[in-house]
Amino acid sequence: MPIYIDISKCIGCRTCEAACQIEHEGNGRLNVHYVEDLAAVPIFCHQCEAACCATVCFSGALRKDGELMIFDEEKCTGCGLCAFACPFGVVWVDRFAHKCDLCRDRDGGPACVAACPAQALFDDFEEAIRRARSRTARALATPGGVR
């Protein structure tokens, strides 16, 4: 169950990044990227069912545990293959790999979701669908329709 983003609500404040840094003791696992002057986009692990990053990880540092992608820092060699393999560019390597783990050990869900002042982040699929339908309906109801 990944984290969903309502781009239309994200204000680019980077509070999610700060919450992640605090939760993971300075080793944050998400970044906010800016797309020119169009949008701020928090980048998260998609928790892929057939995760390329885990497939190429020869040390076993990345593995699937149920629906969640697990990263074991102790096993990471820092080779960077996972970063190259991720189609979304959400894994990065300095000394070792970093990727979102959805704050799996945190009560109350991901820290970034709880901290977002604009309520642009959420971890509920049904809510993601409801928001997407609402945005589409608003766009269609607006003179000129969808652009």
Protein backbone atom coordinates (compact mmCIF):
# COMPACT_ATOMS: atom_id res chain seq x y z
CA MET A 1 0.00 0.00 0.00
CA PRO A 2 1.92 2.99 -1.29
CA ILE A 3 1.53 6.64 -0.39
CA TYR A 4 -0.67 8.64 -2.73
CA ILE A 5 -0.16 12.29 -3.60
CA ASP A 6 -2.73 14.89 -4.54
CA ILE A 7 -0.39 17.12 -6.56
CA SER A 8 -3.03 19.84 -6.75
CA LYS A 9 -2.80 20.24 -2.96
CA CYS A 10 0.96 19.97 -2.45
CA ILE A 11 2.37 23.38 -1.50
CA GLY A 12 6.04 22.37 -1.77
CA CYS A 13 6.76 23.12 1.89
CA ARG A 14 8.92 19.98 2.34
CA THR A 15 7.35 19.24 5.73
CA CYS A 16 7.08 15.61 4.60
CA GLU A 17 10.86 15.52 4.06
CA ALA A 18 11.49 16.97 7.51
CA ALA A 19 9.09 14.48 9.15
CA CYS A 20 10.86 11.63 7.37
CA GLN A 21 14.28 12.91 8.48
CA ILE A 22 13.09 13.09 12.09
CA GLU A 23 11.42 9.67 11.98
CA HIS A 24 14.51 8.02 10.51
CA GLU A 25 17.08 9.85 12.66
CA GLY A 26 18.57 11.97 9.89
CA ASN A 27 18.38 9.30 7.16
CA GLY A 28 15.31 10.55 5.31
CA ARG A 29 13.79 8.33 2.67
CA LEU A 30 11.86 10.72 0.47
CA ASN A 31 12.56 13.83 -1.53
CA VAL A 32 10.39 16.59 -2.89
CA HIS A 33 11.21 17.36 -6.50
CA TYR A 34 10.13 20.53 -8.25
CA VAL A 35 8.88 20.36 -11.82
CA GLU A 36 9.82 23.79 -13.13
CA ASP A 37 7.19 26.17 -11.77
CA LEU A 38 4.36 23.67 -12.30
CA ALA A 39 4.36 21.49 -9.21
CA ALA A 40 6.16 20.09 -6.21
CA VAL A 41 6.16 16.30 -6.19
CA PRO A 42 7.09 14.21 -3.16
CA ILE A 43 8.80 11.05 -4.46
CA PHE A 44 8.07 7.80 -2.62
CA CYS A 45 8.69 4.09 -3.09
CA HIS A 46 5.79 2.55 -5.01
CA GLN A 47 6.11 -0.76 -3.13
CA CYS A 48 6.07 -2.58 -6.48
CA GLU A 49 4.66 -6.08 -6.61
CA ALA A 50 7.51 -7.26 -8.86
CA ALA A 51 10.18 -4.90 -7.56
CA CYS A 52 13.13 -4.44 -9.91
CA CYS A 53 15.25 -3.06 -7.07
CA ALA A 54 14.89 -6.30 -5.10
CA THR A 55 15.46 -8.43 -8.19
CA VAL A 56 18.91 -6.92 -8.81
CA CYS A 57 19.92 -6.77 -5.13
CA PHE A 58 22.45 -9.59 -4.89
CA SER A 59 23.12 -8.99 -1.17
CA GLY A 60 19.48 -9.50 -0.14
CA ALA A 61 19.28 -6.02 1.42
CA LEU A 62 16.03 -5.36 -0.46
CA ARG A 63 13.27 -7.94 -0.23
CA LYS A 64 9.51 -8.23 -0.30
CA ASP A 65 7.75 -8.98 2.99
CA GLY A 66 4.04 -9.34 2.24
CA GLU A 67 2.96 -6.09 0.55
CA LEU A 68 5.92 -4.14 1.91
CA MET A 69 9.38 -3.71 0.42
CA ILE A 70 11.93 -4.15 3.21
CA PHE A 71 15.42 -2.66 3.24
CA ASP A 72 18.09 -4.15 5.52
CA GLU A 73 20.87 -1.58 5.85
CA GLU A 74 23.19 -4.17 7.44
CA LYS A 75 23.21 -6.22 4.22
CA CYS A 76 23.58 -3.30 1.80
CA THR A 77 26.91 -3.11 -0.04
CA GLY A 78 26.18 0.33 -1.54
CA CYS A 79 26.67 -0.99 -5.09
CA GLY A 80 23.83 1.15 -6.47
CA LEU A 81 22.21 -1.49 -8.69
CA CYS A 82 18.87 -0.89 -6.98
CA ALA A 83 19.00 2.81 -7.86
CA PHE A 84 19.60 1.99 -11.52
CA ALA A 85 16.86 -0.64 -11.55
CA CYS A 86 14.09 1.46 -9.97
CA PRO A 87 11.88 2.77 -12.80
CA PHE A 88 10.62 5.61 -10.58
CA GLY A 89 14.00 6.89 -9.37
CA VAL A 90 13.03 6.64 -5.72
CA VAL A 91 16.04 4.67 -4.50
CA TRP A 92 19.28 6.55 -4.06
CA VAL A 93 22.69 5.56 -2.74
CA ASP A 94 25.33 7.41 -0.80
CA ARG A 95 27.10 5.05 1.59
CA PHE A 96 24.12 2.68 1.40
CA ALA A 97 20.74 2.65 -0.30
CA HIS A 98 17.78 4.72 0.91
CA LYS A 99 14.13 4.03 0.15
CA CYS A 100 10.77 4.63 1.77
CA ASP A 101 9.58 1.86 4.09
CA LEU A 102 6.20 3.49 4.83
CA CYS A 103 7.37 3.95 8.43
CA ARG A 104 6.51 0.30 9.01
CA ASP A 105 7.48 0.42 12.69
CA ARG A 106 5.59 3.64 13.44
CA ASP A 107 2.16 3.64 15.06
CA GLY A 108 -0.23 5.89 13.18
CA GLY A 109 1.17 5.28 9.69
CA PRO A 110 3.79 7.15 7.70
CA ALA A 111 5.22 10.26 9.39
CA CYS A 112 5.03 12.27 6.16
CA VAL A 113 1.28 11.66 5.82
CA ALA A 114 0.65 12.74 9.42
CA ALA A 115 2.83 15.85 9.04
CA CYS A 116 1.53 17.21 5.71
CA PRO A 117 -0.13 20.57 6.47
CA ALA A 118 -1.89 20.65 3.08
CA GLN A 119 -3.28 17.11 3.42
CA ALA A 120 -1.77 16.29 0.04
CA LEU A 121 -0.48 12.88 1.18
CA PHE A 122 -2.55 9.86 2.12
CA ASP A 123 -2.17 6.09 2.27
CA ASP A 124 -5.72 4.98 1.44
CA PHE A 125 -6.42 3.69 -2.07
CA GLU A 126 -10.15 4.44 -1.89
CA GLU A 127 -9.35 8.03 -0.92
CA ALA A 128 -6.97 8.27 -3.90
CA ILE A 129 -9.75 7.15 -6.26
CA ARG A 130 -12.28 9.53 -4.67
CA ARG A 131 -9.93 12.50 -5.06
CA ALA A 132 -9.06 11.61 -8.67
CA ARG A 133 -12.75 11.37 -9.59
CA SER A 134 -13.48 14.66 -7.85
CA ARG A 135 -10.64 16.43 -9.73
CA THR A 136 -11.87 15.02 -13.03
CA ALA A 137 -15.45 16.05 -12.33
CA ARG A 138 -14.34 19.59 -11.43
CA ALA A 139 -12.25 19.82 -14.61
CA LEU A 140 -15.14 18.63 -16.77
CA ALA A 141 -17.55 21.03 -15.09
CA THR A 142 -15.21 23.99 -15.68
CA PRO A 143 -15.83 25.99 -18.86
CA GLY A 144 -13.35 24.74 -21.41
CA GLY A 145 -13.28 21.25 -19.82
CA VAL A 146 -10.15 19.18 -19.40
CA ARG A 147 -7.04 20.78 -20.90
